[in-house]
N, C-alpha and C. Protein backbone atom coordinates (compact mmCIF):
# COMPACT_ATOMS: atom_id res chain seq x y z
N MET A 1 22.94 9.83 4.31
CA MET A 1 23.79 9.09 3.83
C MET A 1 25.07 8.66 5.15
N LYS A 2 25.30 9.87 5.75
CA LYS A 2 26.19 9.59 6.83
C LYS A 2 25.70 8.86 8.05
N THR A 3 24.00 9.04 8.34
CA THR A 3 23.69 8.55 9.53
C THR A 3 23.44 7.05 9.30
N THR A 4 23.21 6.42 8.24
CA THR A 4 23.46 4.83 7.70
C THR A 4 25.03 4.17 8.00
N LYS A 5 26.01 5.06 7.65
CA LYS A 5 27.29 4.60 7.95
C LYS A 5 27.24 4.61 9.73
N THR A 6 26.75 5.18 10.33
CA THR A 6 27.02 5.20 11.62
C THR A 6 26.17 4.27 12.37
N ILE A 7 25.01 4.16 12.04
CA ILE A 7 23.78 3.16 12.79
C ILE A 7 24.30 1.88 12.50
N ARG A 8 24.82 1.43 11.22
CA ARG A 8 25.06 -0.04 10.89
C ARG A 8 25.89 -0.52 11.80
N PRO A 9 27.02 -0.20 12.01
CA PRO A 9 27.92 -0.97 12.88
C PRO A 9 27.30 -0.68 14.30
N LEU A 10 26.89 0.14 14.46
CA LEU A 10 26.03 0.19 16.20
C LEU A 10 25.01 -1.01 16.11
N LEU A 11 24.44 -1.03 15.29
CA LEU A 11 23.14 -2.18 15.32
C LEU A 11 23.88 -3.67 15.41
N LEU A 12 25.12 -3.72 14.52
CA LEU A 12 25.59 -5.13 14.40
C LEU A 12 26.21 -5.37 15.58
N THR A 13 26.66 -4.10 16.42
CA THR A 13 27.63 -4.29 17.88
C THR A 13 26.38 -5.05 19.13
N ALA A 14 25.45 -4.05 18.87
CA ALA A 14 24.23 -4.49 19.90
C ALA A 14 24.04 -5.88 19.54
N PHE A 15 23.75 -6.43 18.24
CA PHE A 15 23.08 -7.67 17.80
C PHE A 15 24.12 -8.66 18.43
N PHE A 16 25.29 -8.66 18.44
CA PHE A 16 26.48 -9.66 18.93
C PHE A 16 26.37 -9.80 20.32
N LEU A 17 26.46 -8.58 20.87
CA LEU A 17 26.28 -8.26 22.52
C LEU A 17 25.26 -9.18 23.10
N LEU A 18 24.15 -9.34 22.22
CA LEU A 18 23.12 -9.45 22.95
C LEU A 18 23.12 -11.35 22.86
N ILE A 19 24.01 -11.66 21.73
CA ILE A 19 24.18 -12.91 21.65
C ILE A 19 25.13 -13.93 22.48
N ILE A 20 26.21 -12.58 22.83
CA ILE A 20 27.21 -13.08 23.91
C ILE A 20 26.66 -13.33 25.27
N LEU A 21 26.02 -11.91 25.44
CA LEU A 21 25.96 -11.84 27.13
C LEU A 21 24.61 -12.62 27.62
N ILE A 22 23.67 -12.71 26.87
CA ILE A 22 22.15 -13.70 27.22
C ILE A 22 22.60 -15.10 27.15
N PRO A 23 22.39 -15.77 28.19
CA PRO A 23 22.36 -17.39 28.29
C PRO A 23 21.52 -17.83 27.34
N ALA A 24 21.87 -18.95 26.98
CA ALA A 24 21.12 -19.84 26.28
C ALA A 24 20.22 -20.80 26.88
N ARG A 25 19.00 -20.84 26.09
CA ARG A 25 17.99 -21.59 26.59
C ARG A 25 18.25 -23.32 26.08
N ALA A 26 17.38 -24.04 26.43
CA ALA A 26 17.62 -25.48 26.01
C ALA A 26 16.90 -25.83 24.62
N GLN A 27 17.85 -26.49 23.77
CA GLN A 27 17.28 -26.49 22.26
C GLN A 27 16.97 -27.67 21.93
N GLU A 28 16.39 -28.38 22.93
CA GLU A 28 15.98 -29.91 22.44
C GLU A 28 14.36 -29.65 21.71
N ASN A 29 13.58 -28.68 22.18
CA ASN A 29 12.30 -28.72 21.78
C ASN A 29 12.18 -27.11 21.27
N ALA A 30 11.92 -26.80 20.29
CA ALA A 30 11.54 -25.26 19.84
C ALA A 30 10.14 -24.83 20.24
N SER A 31 9.27 -25.48 21.34
CA SER A 31 7.92 -25.13 21.50
C SER A 31 7.95 -23.93 22.14
N GLY A 32 7.49 -22.69 22.33
CA GLY A 32 7.42 -21.50 22.71
C GLY A 32 8.70 -20.93 22.27
N ALA A 33 9.49 -21.06 21.39
CA ALA A 33 10.77 -19.92 21.01
C ALA A 33 10.32 -19.12 20.10
N ASN A 34 10.78 -17.65 20.42
CA ASN A 34 10.83 -16.81 19.54
C ASN A 34 12.15 -16.56 18.80
N GLN A 35 12.13 -16.34 17.46
CA GLN A 35 13.76 -16.16 17.03
C GLN A 35 13.40 -15.26 16.00
N LEU A 36 14.61 -14.01 16.17
CA LEU A 36 14.60 -12.61 14.95
C LEU A 36 16.21 -12.54 14.60
N GLY A 37 16.19 -12.88 13.40
CA GLY A 37 17.29 -12.84 12.65
C GLY A 37 17.38 -12.11 11.26
N LEU A 38 18.17 -12.36 10.69
CA LEU A 38 18.48 -11.81 8.97
C LEU A 38 18.36 -13.49 8.12
N ARG A 39 18.27 -12.75 7.08
CA ARG A 39 18.09 -13.72 5.93
C ARG A 39 19.04 -13.21 4.87
N LEU A 40 19.99 -13.96 4.35
CA LEU A 40 20.72 -13.75 3.19
C LEU A 40 20.65 -14.64 2.29
N GLY A 41 20.51 -14.08 0.66
CA GLY A 41 20.40 -14.59 -0.38
C GLY A 41 19.64 -13.72 -1.55
N PRO A 42 19.18 -14.34 -2.39
CA PRO A 42 18.85 -13.32 -3.61
C PRO A 42 17.69 -12.08 -2.81
N TYR A 43 17.22 -12.88 -2.05
CA TYR A 43 16.27 -11.83 -1.23
C TYR A 43 16.94 -11.86 0.21
N SER A 44 16.89 -10.85 0.79
CA SER A 44 17.52 -10.70 1.80
C SER A 44 16.96 -9.47 2.92
N GLY A 45 16.91 -9.89 4.28
CA GLY A 45 16.30 -8.72 4.80
C GLY A 45 15.94 -9.57 6.45
N PHE A 46 15.04 -9.05 6.93
CA PHE A 46 14.29 -9.51 8.27
C PHE A 46 13.38 -10.85 8.41
N THR A 47 13.57 -11.22 9.28
CA THR A 47 12.79 -12.45 9.61
C THR A 47 12.54 -12.67 11.12
N PHE A 48 11.18 -13.10 11.39
CA PHE A 48 10.77 -13.40 13.00
C PHE A 48 10.10 -14.71 12.60
N ARG A 49 10.43 -15.53 13.68
CA ARG A 49 9.74 -16.58 13.73
C ARG A 49 9.27 -17.24 15.24
N HIS A 50 8.19 -17.69 15.20
CA HIS A 50 7.73 -17.94 16.70
C HIS A 50 7.31 -19.87 16.55
N TRP A 51 7.97 -20.44 17.31
CA TRP A 51 7.52 -21.80 17.55
C TRP A 51 6.35 -21.96 18.64
N GLY A 52 5.18 -22.53 18.33
CA GLY A 52 4.07 -22.75 19.66
C GLY A 52 4.19 -24.21 19.52
N ALA A 53 3.12 -24.73 20.08
CA ALA A 53 2.47 -26.01 20.62
C ALA A 53 2.82 -26.91 19.03
N SER A 54 3.04 -28.21 19.58
CA SER A 54 3.33 -29.37 18.59
C SER A 54 4.23 -28.93 17.50
N ASN A 55 5.28 -28.11 17.63
CA ASN A 55 6.16 -27.62 16.53
C ASN A 55 5.52 -27.37 15.77
N LEU A 56 4.37 -26.42 15.76
CA LEU A 56 3.91 -25.67 14.80
C LEU A 56 3.99 -24.16 15.03
N GLY A 57 4.39 -23.66 13.86
CA GLY A 57 4.79 -21.88 14.27
C GLY A 57 4.50 -21.12 12.99
N TYR A 58 4.78 -20.06 13.03
CA TYR A 58 4.46 -19.35 11.91
C TYR A 58 6.16 -18.02 11.69
N GLU A 59 6.15 -17.66 10.57
CA GLU A 59 7.14 -16.93 10.60
C GLU A 59 6.63 -15.69 9.50
N ILE A 60 7.31 -14.61 9.82
CA ILE A 60 7.19 -13.26 9.04
C ILE A 60 8.40 -12.75 8.68
N SER A 61 8.52 -12.37 7.40
CA SER A 61 9.89 -11.97 6.59
C SER A 61 9.42 -10.86 5.80
N LEU A 62 10.34 -9.88 6.04
CA LEU A 62 10.70 -8.80 5.04
C LEU A 62 11.74 -8.73 4.63
N VAL A 63 11.71 -9.09 3.43
CA VAL A 63 13.23 -9.03 2.44
C VAL A 63 13.03 -8.16 1.19
N GLY A 64 14.04 -7.94 0.73
CA GLY A 64 14.61 -7.03 -0.48
C GLY A 64 15.17 -7.54 -1.57
N TRP A 65 14.89 -6.99 -2.50
CA TRP A 65 15.67 -7.70 -4.18
C TRP A 65 16.19 -6.39 -4.81
N ALA A 66 17.72 -6.06 -4.07
CA ALA A 66 18.01 -4.99 -4.54
C ALA A 66 18.12 -4.65 -6.19
N PRO A 67 18.49 -5.29 -7.18
CA PRO A 67 18.63 -5.20 -8.56
C PRO A 67 17.56 -4.14 -8.66
N TYR A 68 16.28 -4.29 -8.32
CA TYR A 68 15.09 -4.16 -9.16
C TYR A 68 14.26 -3.44 -7.80
N ARG A 69 14.83 -2.81 -6.70
CA ARG A 69 14.45 -1.90 -5.72
C ARG A 69 13.17 -2.85 -4.94
N GLY A 70 12.88 -4.38 -4.74
CA GLY A 70 11.60 -5.05 -4.90
C GLY A 70 11.59 -5.21 -3.50
N ALA A 71 10.49 -5.38 -2.83
CA ALA A 71 10.45 -5.88 -1.11
C ALA A 71 9.41 -7.03 -1.44
N ILE A 72 9.37 -7.71 -0.15
CA ILE A 72 8.16 -8.84 -0.07
C ILE A 72 8.12 -8.94 1.42
N LEU A 73 7.05 -8.92 1.65
CA LEU A 73 6.31 -9.41 3.06
C LEU A 73 5.57 -10.30 2.78
N SER A 74 6.03 -11.58 3.69
CA SER A 74 5.47 -12.89 3.58
C SER A 74 4.98 -13.42 4.96
N GLY A 75 3.77 -14.50 4.99
CA GLY A 75 3.73 -14.98 5.93
C GLY A 75 3.70 -16.52 5.88
N LEU A 76 4.03 -17.17 6.52
CA LEU A 76 4.20 -18.56 6.48
C LEU A 76 3.99 -19.33 7.49
N ALA A 77 3.10 -20.28 7.43
CA ALA A 77 2.64 -21.68 8.67
C ALA A 77 3.98 -22.20 8.43
N GLU A 78 4.47 -22.90 9.72
CA GLU A 78 5.58 -23.84 9.41
C GLU A 78 5.34 -25.01 10.64
N LYS A 79 6.06 -26.09 10.08
CA LYS A 79 6.16 -27.55 10.95
C LYS A 79 7.68 -27.71 11.14
N ASN A 80 7.92 -27.69 12.67
CA ASN A 80 9.09 -28.34 12.79
C ASN A 80 9.48 -30.12 13.16
N VAL A 81 10.39 -30.21 12.74
CA VAL A 81 10.36 -31.66 12.73
C VAL A 81 11.86 -31.74 13.41
N PRO A 82 12.23 -32.06 14.64
CA PRO A 82 12.99 -32.09 15.39
C PRO A 82 13.78 -33.28 14.99
N LEU A 83 15.18 -33.03 15.02
CA LEU A 83 16.44 -34.55 14.75
C LEU A 83 17.20 -34.65 15.72
N HIS A 84 18.34 -35.07 15.91
CA HIS A 84 19.42 -35.27 16.78
C HIS A 84 20.36 -34.43 16.81
N ASN A 85 21.11 -34.32 17.66
CA ASN A 85 22.08 -33.07 18.02
C ASN A 85 22.19 -32.18 17.37
N GLY A 86 20.98 -31.14 17.92
CA GLY A 86 20.84 -29.84 17.50
C GLY A 86 20.11 -29.62 16.14
N PHE A 87 20.03 -30.33 15.76
CA PHE A 87 19.46 -30.26 14.26
C PHE A 87 17.58 -30.60 13.96
N ALA A 88 17.09 -29.86 13.19
CA ALA A 88 15.63 -29.73 12.73
C ALA A 88 15.67 -29.50 11.13
N LEU A 89 14.51 -30.37 10.82
CA LEU A 89 13.80 -29.93 9.66
C LEU A 89 12.46 -28.99 9.92
N TYR A 90 12.47 -27.86 8.62
CA TYR A 90 11.19 -27.52 8.83
C TYR A 90 10.14 -27.26 7.26
N PHE A 91 9.05 -27.16 7.04
CA PHE A 91 8.64 -27.39 5.93
C PHE A 91 7.08 -26.31 6.09
N GLY A 92 6.63 -25.65 5.08
CA GLY A 92 5.50 -25.22 5.07
C GLY A 92 4.98 -24.22 3.98
N GLY A 93 4.19 -23.15 4.21
CA GLY A 93 3.79 -22.67 2.97
C GLY A 93 2.88 -21.26 3.71
N GLY A 94 2.79 -20.38 3.02
CA GLY A 94 2.07 -19.07 2.90
C GLY A 94 1.76 -18.60 1.95
N ILE A 95 1.42 -17.17 2.44
CA ILE A 95 0.97 -15.71 1.05
C ILE A 95 2.29 -14.87 1.09
N PHE A 96 2.28 -13.77 0.33
CA PHE A 96 3.11 -12.87 0.05
C PHE A 96 2.42 -11.41 -0.55
N LEU A 97 3.28 -10.46 -0.27
CA LEU A 97 2.80 -9.22 -1.16
C LEU A 97 3.87 -8.63 -1.28
N SER A 98 4.06 -8.16 -2.57
CA SER A 98 5.69 -7.42 -2.92
C SER A 98 4.97 -6.51 -4.21
N SER A 99 6.26 -5.67 -4.09
CA SER A 99 6.29 -4.95 -5.36
C SER A 99 7.94 -4.71 -5.77
N TYR A 100 8.20 -4.30 -6.99
CA TYR A 100 9.51 -3.82 -7.70
C TYR A 100 9.12 -2.83 -8.23
N ASP A 101 10.23 -2.16 -8.56
CA ASP A 101 10.37 -0.77 -9.15
C ASP A 101 11.26 -1.16 -10.46
N TYR A 102 10.31 -0.88 -11.79
CA TYR A 102 10.84 -1.46 -12.78
C TYR A 102 11.45 -0.10 -13.59
N GLY A 103 11.56 1.05 -13.05
CA GLY A 103 11.91 2.25 -13.54
C GLY A 103 13.48 2.38 -13.77
N PRO A 104 13.91 3.82 -14.47
CA PRO A 104 13.00 4.48 -14.63
C PRO A 104 12.40 4.31 -16.04
N TYR A 105 11.18 5.04 -16.30
CA TYR A 105 10.65 5.14 -17.36
C TYR A 105 10.74 6.44 -17.72
N ARG A 106 11.41 6.52 -19.08
CA ARG A 106 11.42 8.04 -19.66
C ARG A 106 10.58 8.20 -20.90
N TYR A 107 10.15 9.27 -20.77
CA TYR A 107 8.86 9.50 -21.94
C TYR A 107 9.21 11.06 -22.19
N LYS A 108 8.60 11.37 -23.84
CA LYS A 108 8.79 12.99 -24.03
C LYS A 108 7.57 13.62 -24.39
N ILE A 109 7.08 14.49 -23.78
CA ILE A 109 5.62 15.51 -24.44
C ILE A 109 5.85 16.69 -24.63
N ASP A 110 6.01 16.98 -26.14
CA ASP A 110 5.95 18.44 -26.35
C ASP A 110 7.47 19.02 -26.16
N GLY A 111 8.22 17.97 -26.62
CA GLY A 111 10.18 18.19 -26.78
C GLY A 111 10.68 18.39 -24.72
N VAL A 112 9.69 17.92 -23.97
CA VAL A 112 10.06 17.84 -22.70
C VAL A 112 10.37 16.57 -22.29
N TRP A 113 11.48 15.87 -21.64
CA TRP A 113 11.75 14.60 -21.13
C TRP A 113 11.43 14.60 -19.73
N TYR A 114 10.52 13.38 -19.34
CA TYR A 114 9.90 13.22 -18.21
C TYR A 114 10.62 11.80 -17.75
N VAL A 115 10.87 11.74 -16.51
CA VAL A 115 11.58 10.59 -15.89
C VAL A 115 10.49 10.14 -14.46
N GLU A 116 9.98 8.70 -14.90
CA GLU A 116 9.17 8.27 -13.62
C GLU A 116 9.67 6.82 -13.07
N ARG A 117 9.29 6.79 -11.87
CA ARG A 117 9.49 5.33 -11.43
C ARG A 117 8.30 4.61 -10.94
N ARG A 118 8.16 3.43 -11.53
CA ARG A 118 6.83 2.80 -11.42
C ARG A 118 7.07 1.51 -10.43
N GLY A 119 6.35 1.50 -9.55
CA GLY A 119 6.14 0.22 -8.90
C GLY A 119 5.20 -0.65 -9.05
N ILE A 120 5.30 -1.87 -9.31
CA ILE A 120 4.13 -2.94 -9.56
C ILE A 120 4.20 -3.84 -8.52
N PRO A 121 2.86 -3.50 -7.95
CA PRO A 121 2.52 -4.70 -7.11
C PRO A 121 2.24 -6.09 -7.42
N TYR A 122 2.59 -6.92 -6.54
CA TYR A 122 2.58 -8.46 -6.73
C TYR A 122 2.01 -9.18 -5.63
N PHE A 123 1.23 -10.18 -5.80
CA PHE A 123 1.25 -11.30 -4.43
C PHE A 123 1.25 -12.62 -4.73
N GLY A 124 0.96 -13.50 -3.97
CA GLY A 124 1.13 -14.79 -4.39
C GLY A 124 1.28 -15.68 -3.30
N ILE A 125 1.74 -16.96 -3.54
CA ILE A 125 1.93 -17.91 -2.53
C ILE A 125 3.21 -18.22 -2.52
N GLU A 126 3.61 -19.07 -1.32
CA GLU A 126 5.02 -19.24 -1.06
C GLU A 126 5.01 -20.48 -0.33
N GLY A 127 6.14 -21.31 -0.74
CA GLY A 127 6.56 -22.48 -0.05
C GLY A 127 8.02 -22.27 0.83
N VAL A 128 8.14 -23.17 1.79
CA VAL A 128 9.52 -23.31 2.79
C VAL A 128 9.68 -24.79 2.81
N LEU A 129 11.13 -25.10 2.64
CA LEU A 129 11.44 -26.29 3.11
C LEU A 129 13.03 -25.87 3.51
N GLY A 130 13.59 -26.25 4.75
CA GLY A 130 14.52 -25.87 5.54
C GLY A 130 15.14 -26.71 6.47
N ALA A 131 16.76 -26.40 7.07
CA ALA A 131 16.99 -27.04 8.07
C ALA A 131 17.65 -26.26 9.07
N ASP A 132 17.33 -26.34 10.29
CA ASP A 132 18.02 -25.56 11.47
C ASP A 132 19.21 -26.32 12.06
N TYR A 133 20.10 -25.67 12.31
CA TYR A 133 21.15 -26.07 13.59
C TYR A 133 21.00 -25.06 14.71
N TYR A 134 20.67 -25.67 15.84
CA TYR A 134 20.70 -24.79 17.10
C TYR A 134 21.82 -25.09 17.77
N ILE A 135 22.68 -23.91 17.58
CA ILE A 135 24.14 -24.15 18.09
C ILE A 135 24.10 -24.18 19.99
N PRO A 136 25.04 -25.53 20.09
CA PRO A 136 25.01 -25.66 21.66
C PRO A 136 25.58 -24.31 22.60
N ASN A 137 24.96 -23.99 23.63
CA ASN A 137 25.29 -23.13 24.86
C ASN A 137 25.24 -21.83 24.04
N ALA A 138 24.30 -21.58 23.10
CA ALA A 138 24.36 -20.23 22.49
C ALA A 138 22.81 -20.13 21.90
N PRO A 139 22.45 -18.99 21.97
CA PRO A 139 20.98 -18.28 21.98
C PRO A 139 20.93 -18.31 20.26
N VAL A 140 21.56 -19.22 19.31
CA VAL A 140 21.70 -18.79 17.83
C VAL A 140 21.19 -19.95 16.80
N VAL A 141 20.51 -19.82 15.95
CA VAL A 141 20.08 -20.52 14.97
C VAL A 141 20.36 -20.13 13.61
N LEU A 142 21.22 -21.22 13.02
CA LEU A 142 21.68 -21.02 11.58
C LEU A 142 20.52 -22.03 10.79
N SER A 143 20.28 -21.31 9.74
CA SER A 143 19.21 -22.12 8.56
C SER A 143 19.63 -22.31 7.52
N LEU A 144 19.30 -23.01 6.70
CA LEU A 144 19.26 -23.10 5.18
C LEU A 144 17.65 -23.54 4.46
N ASP A 145 17.79 -22.52 3.86
CA ASP A 145 16.18 -23.03 3.48
C ASP A 145 15.88 -22.61 1.68
N LEU A 146 14.78 -23.06 1.33
CA LEU A 146 14.35 -23.23 -0.14
C LEU A 146 13.20 -22.66 -0.24
N ARG A 147 12.67 -21.51 -0.85
CA ARG A 147 11.72 -20.87 -1.04
C ARG A 147 11.02 -20.75 -2.41
N PRO A 148 10.12 -21.44 -2.61
CA PRO A 148 9.79 -21.29 -4.23
C PRO A 148 8.66 -20.45 -4.16
N ARG A 149 8.29 -19.47 -5.04
CA ARG A 149 7.40 -18.55 -5.08
C ARG A 149 6.67 -18.52 -6.27
N PHE A 150 5.40 -18.25 -6.33
CA PHE A 150 4.54 -18.01 -7.54
C PHE A 150 4.02 -16.80 -7.36
N PHE A 151 4.21 -15.78 -8.17
CA PHE A 151 3.73 -14.54 -8.27
C PHE A 151 2.60 -14.42 -8.89
N ASN A 152 1.93 -13.56 -8.36
CA ASN A 152 0.27 -13.75 -9.02
C ASN A 152 -0.05 -14.94 -9.33
N VAL A 153 0.37 -16.05 -8.30
CA VAL A 153 -0.09 -17.26 -8.26
C VAL A 153 0.11 -18.24 -9.43
N VAL A 154 0.78 -17.76 -10.67
CA VAL A 154 1.10 -18.53 -11.94
C VAL A 154 2.52 -18.20 -12.40
N TYR A 155 3.39 -17.13 -11.91
CA TYR A 155 4.56 -17.04 -12.45
C TYR A 155 5.44 -17.79 -11.42
N PRO A 156 6.21 -18.81 -12.05
CA PRO A 156 7.00 -19.41 -10.59
C PRO A 156 8.59 -18.73 -10.80
N TYR A 157 9.01 -18.41 -9.47
CA TYR A 157 10.29 -18.47 -8.74
C TYR A 157 10.78 -19.05 -7.78
N LEU A 158 11.37 -20.32 -8.56
CA LEU A 158 11.81 -21.48 -7.72
C LEU A 158 12.89 -21.83 -7.06
N TRP A 159 14.20 -20.40 -7.18
CA TRP A 159 15.18 -20.81 -6.51
C TRP A 159 15.60 -19.71 -5.53
N ASP A 160 14.79 -19.39 -4.62
CA ASP A 160 15.28 -18.53 -3.76
C ASP A 160 15.85 -19.29 -2.33
N ALA A 161 17.18 -19.63 -2.48
CA ALA A 161 17.72 -20.26 -1.40
C ALA A 161 18.52 -19.20 -0.59
N GLY A 162 18.34 -19.33 0.87
CA GLY A 162 19.00 -18.60 1.70
C GLY A 162 19.43 -18.98 2.77
N LEU A 163 20.51 -18.18 3.58
CA LEU A 163 21.14 -18.56 4.91
C LEU A 163 20.35 -17.52 5.70
N ASN A 164 19.83 -18.09 7.05
CA ASN A 164 19.01 -17.65 7.93
C ASN A 164 20.13 -17.60 9.35
N VAL A 165 20.37 -16.45 10.03
CA VAL A 165 21.08 -16.29 11.34
C VAL A 165 19.88 -15.61 12.13
N ARG A 166 19.46 -16.29 12.88
CA ARG A 166 18.60 -16.24 13.89
C ARG A 166 19.09 -15.78 15.52
N TYR A 167 18.65 -15.14 16.37
CA TYR A 167 18.53 -14.76 17.78
C TYR A 167 17.09 -15.59 18.49
N GLU A 168 17.82 -16.69 19.28
CA GLU A 168 16.59 -17.09 20.05
C GLU A 168 16.34 -16.54 21.30
N PHE A 169 15.11 -16.15 21.94
CA PHE A 169 14.60 -15.65 22.89
C PHE A 169 13.34 -16.35 23.35
């Protein structure tokens, strides 16, 4: 427990030093850019995005849902639509794998109580619709997005909105 309290401030300090010390590249075209960052929302975690030719790209996210000890690994294909003054829209879709812990499950056999935690795996399809803001003269991208998901392809979770803070390199 003590190591996580020590590691977190060090990681945050290193992240912000990278943002301050490394010069920004031109933000007019996202082509060829890699972005690594954090997603904050009902599902929070890490995200990596790469923009390729023709403003097409992909995003890989590993996010968690704290109340149920759940996690989602998703892969999305995205289209970037540049606008003016550092703004851009993006949209796309993909697939995900996830699980969540619905435990503890308690049961009694021969007078002895047992406790289990069970993880339930899920899969599904996911969409994304969002807006980027490329901060001038800084390698930082701020994004707001909405990610509707369909667990096991039929059970909808439509309101996963999040704020992304990404470092572009």
